[in-house]
Amino acid sequence: MPTAYVLINCELGEEDEIIRTLKTLPSVNEVNGIYGAHDILVKIQADSMDKVRETITWHMRKIDRIKSTLTLVVIEGQANNTKYDIRR
């Protein structure tokens, strides 16, 4: 299943309202406020990469008070490869 993580920078003090809005968007599975260089971490999963892209481009980036986003797209199947299995 196509998955992406989005790191968000927002205007100071607007985190709670933006998190509430993000939780209502299609394909958004998880939203967390975080400490560090970014303010919010969002996990998006959908049936297709087009739907993931649509959620980010046409829904998430249109939210007022979001200053910037950084999208990290998961490489499908790589983590399930035994070559990368850390439990061995």
C-alpha atoms as a PDB file:
ATOM      1  CA  MET A   1       0.000   0.000   0.000  1.00  0.00           C
ATOM      2  CA  PRO A   2       1.521   3.367  -0.971  1.00  0.00           C
ATOM      3  CA  THR A   3       2.668   5.222   2.140  1.00  0.00           C
ATOM      4  CA  ALA A   4       4.195   8.640   2.715  1.00  0.00           C
ATOM      5  CA  TYR A   5       5.263  10.586   5.775  1.00  0.00           C
ATOM      6  CA  VAL A   6       4.945  14.353   5.663  1.00  0.00           C
ATOM      7  CA  LEU A   7       6.899  16.677   7.946  1.00  0.00           C
ATOM      8  CA  ILE A   8       5.153  20.019   8.418  1.00  0.00           C
ATOM      9  CA  ASN A   9       6.280  23.428   9.608  1.00  0.00           C
ATOM     10  CA  CYS A  10       3.456  25.695  10.677  1.00  0.00           C
ATOM     11  CA  GLU A  11       2.919  29.085  12.213  1.00  0.00           C
ATOM     12  CA  LEU A  12       3.721  29.268  15.918  1.00  0.00           C
ATOM     13  CA  GLY A  13       0.785  28.328  18.133  1.00  0.00           C
ATOM     14  CA  GLU A  14      -1.330  26.878  15.317  1.00  0.00           C
ATOM     15  CA  GLU A  15      -0.303  23.244  15.779  1.00  0.00           C
ATOM     16  CA  ASP A  16      -3.450  22.029  17.574  1.00  0.00           C
ATOM     17  CA  GLU A  17      -5.847  23.503  15.010  1.00  0.00           C
ATOM     18  CA  ILE A  18      -3.810  22.172  12.075  1.00  0.00           C
ATOM     19  CA  ILE A  19      -3.618  18.704  13.663  1.00  0.00           C
ATOM     20  CA  ARG A  20      -7.426  18.670  14.055  1.00  0.00           C
ATOM     21  CA  THR A  21      -7.830  19.635  10.393  1.00  0.00           C
ATOM     22  CA  LEU A  22      -5.281  17.072   9.173  1.00  0.00           C
ATOM     23  CA  LYS A  23      -7.115  14.249  10.960  1.00  0.00           C
ATOM     24  CA  THR A  24     -10.177  14.898   8.764  1.00  0.00           C
ATOM     25  CA  LEU A  25      -8.331  14.550   5.432  1.00  0.00           C
ATOM     26  CA  PRO A  26      -8.706  11.492   3.198  1.00  0.00           C
ATOM     27  CA  SER A  27      -5.960   8.869   3.507  1.00  0.00           C
ATOM     28  CA  VAL A  28      -4.454  10.422   6.658  1.00  0.00           C
ATOM     29  CA  ASN A  29      -3.805   7.535   9.065  1.00  0.00           C
ATOM     30  CA  GLU A  30      -1.803   9.191  11.823  1.00  0.00           C
ATOM     31  CA  VAL A  31      -0.948  12.731  12.935  1.00  0.00           C
ATOM     32  CA  ASN A  32       1.516  13.653  15.691  1.00  0.00           C
ATOM     33  CA  GLY A  33       2.948  16.870  17.033  1.00  0.00           C
ATOM     34  CA  ILE A  34       6.736  16.535  17.247  1.00  0.00           C
ATOM     35  CA  TYR A  35       9.769  18.342  18.673  1.00  0.00           C
ATOM     36  CA  GLY A  36      12.688  19.340  16.483  1.00  0.00           C
ATOM     37  CA  ALA A  37      13.088  21.039  13.145  1.00  0.00           C
ATOM     38  CA  HIS A  38       9.460  20.304  12.197  1.00  0.00           C
ATOM     39  CA  ASP A  39       6.177  20.719  14.067  1.00  0.00           C
ATOM     40  CA  ILE A  40       3.913  17.904  12.848  1.00  0.00           C
ATOM     41  CA  LEU A  41       4.394  14.400  11.398  1.00  0.00           C
ATOM     42  CA  VAL A  42       1.639  12.911   9.213  1.00  0.00           C
ATOM     43  CA  LYS A  43       1.359   9.344   7.911  1.00  0.00           C
ATOM     44  CA  ILE A  44      -0.632   8.946   4.709  1.00  0.00           C
ATOM     45  CA  GLN A  45      -1.706   5.620   3.194  1.00  0.00           C
ATOM     46  CA  ALA A  46      -3.943   5.087   0.187  1.00  0.00           C
ATOM     47  CA  ASP A  47      -4.836   2.560  -2.485  1.00  0.00           C
ATOM     48  CA  SER A  48      -2.651   4.353  -5.038  1.00  0.00           C
ATOM     49  CA  MET A  49       0.223   6.794  -5.168  1.00  0.00           C
ATOM     50  CA  ASP A  50      -2.080   9.176  -7.057  1.00  0.00           C
ATOM     51  CA  LYS A  51      -4.380   9.314  -4.023  1.00  0.00           C
ATOM     52  CA  VAL A  52      -1.424   9.951  -1.707  1.00  0.00           C
ATOM     53  CA  ARG A  53      -0.241  12.748  -3.985  1.00  0.00           C
ATOM     54  CA  GLU A  54      -3.777  14.182  -4.186  1.00  0.00           C
ATOM     55  CA  THR A  55      -4.105  14.286  -0.397  1.00  0.00           C
ATOM     56  CA  ILE A  56      -0.799  16.129  -0.049  1.00  0.00           C
ATOM     57  CA  THR A  57      -1.157  18.516  -2.988  1.00  0.00           C
ATOM     58  CA  TRP A  58      -4.851  19.356  -3.028  1.00  0.00           C
ATOM     59  CA  HIS A  59      -5.787  19.008   0.641  1.00  0.00           C
ATOM     60  CA  MET A  60      -2.819  19.281   2.988  1.00  0.00           C
ATOM     61  CA  ARG A  61      -0.898  22.062   1.269  1.00  0.00           C
ATOM     62  CA  LYS A  62      -4.065  24.181   1.030  1.00  0.00           C
ATOM     63  CA  ILE A  63      -4.426  24.419   4.828  1.00  0.00           C
ATOM     64  CA  ASP A  64      -3.854  27.954   6.080  1.00  0.00           C
ATOM     65  CA  ARG A  65      -0.954  28.466   8.478  1.00  0.00           C
ATOM     66  CA  ILE A  66       1.122  25.592   7.076  1.00  0.00           C
ATOM     67  CA  LYS A  67       4.410  27.213   6.078  1.00  0.00           C
ATOM     68  CA  SER A  68       6.171  24.237   4.476  1.00  0.00           C
ATOM     69  CA  THR A  69       6.058  20.472   3.979  1.00  0.00           C
ATOM     70  CA  LEU A  70       8.658  17.779   3.378  1.00  0.00           C
ATOM     71  CA  THR A  71       7.340  14.522   1.913  1.00  0.00           C
ATOM     72  CA  LEU A  72       9.071  11.165   2.439  1.00  0.00           C
ATOM     73  CA  VAL A  73       7.693   8.369   0.235  1.00  0.00           C
ATOM     74  CA  VAL A  74       8.133   4.830   1.546  1.00  0.00           C
ATOM     75  CA  ILE A  75       9.816   2.317  -0.791  1.00  0.00           C
ATOM     76  CA  GLU A  76       7.232  -0.451  -1.010  1.00  0.00           C
ATOM     77  CA  GLY A  77       8.458  -3.973  -0.272  1.00  0.00           C
ATOM     78  CA  GLN A  78      11.935  -3.014   0.882  1.00  0.00           C
ATOM     79  CA  ALA A  79      11.232  -3.409   4.609  1.00  0.00           C
ATOM     80  CA  ASN A  80       9.678  -6.837   4.000  1.00  0.00           C
ATOM     81  CA  ASN A  81      12.831  -8.083   2.282  1.00  0.00           C
ATOM     82  CA  THR A  82      14.727 -10.501   4.575  1.00  0.00           C
ATOM     83  CA  LYS A  83      17.946  -8.714   3.616  1.00  0.00           C
ATOM     84  CA  TYR A  84      16.748  -5.789   5.745  1.00  0.00           C
ATOM     85  CA  ASP A  85      15.169  -7.814   8.565  1.00  0.00           C
ATOM     86  CA  ILE A  86      16.648  -6.498  11.823  1.00  0.00           C
ATOM     87  CA  ARG A  87      15.171  -9.371  13.837  1.00  0.00           C
ATOM     88  CA  ARG A  88      17.591 -11.940  12.391  1.00  0.00           C
END
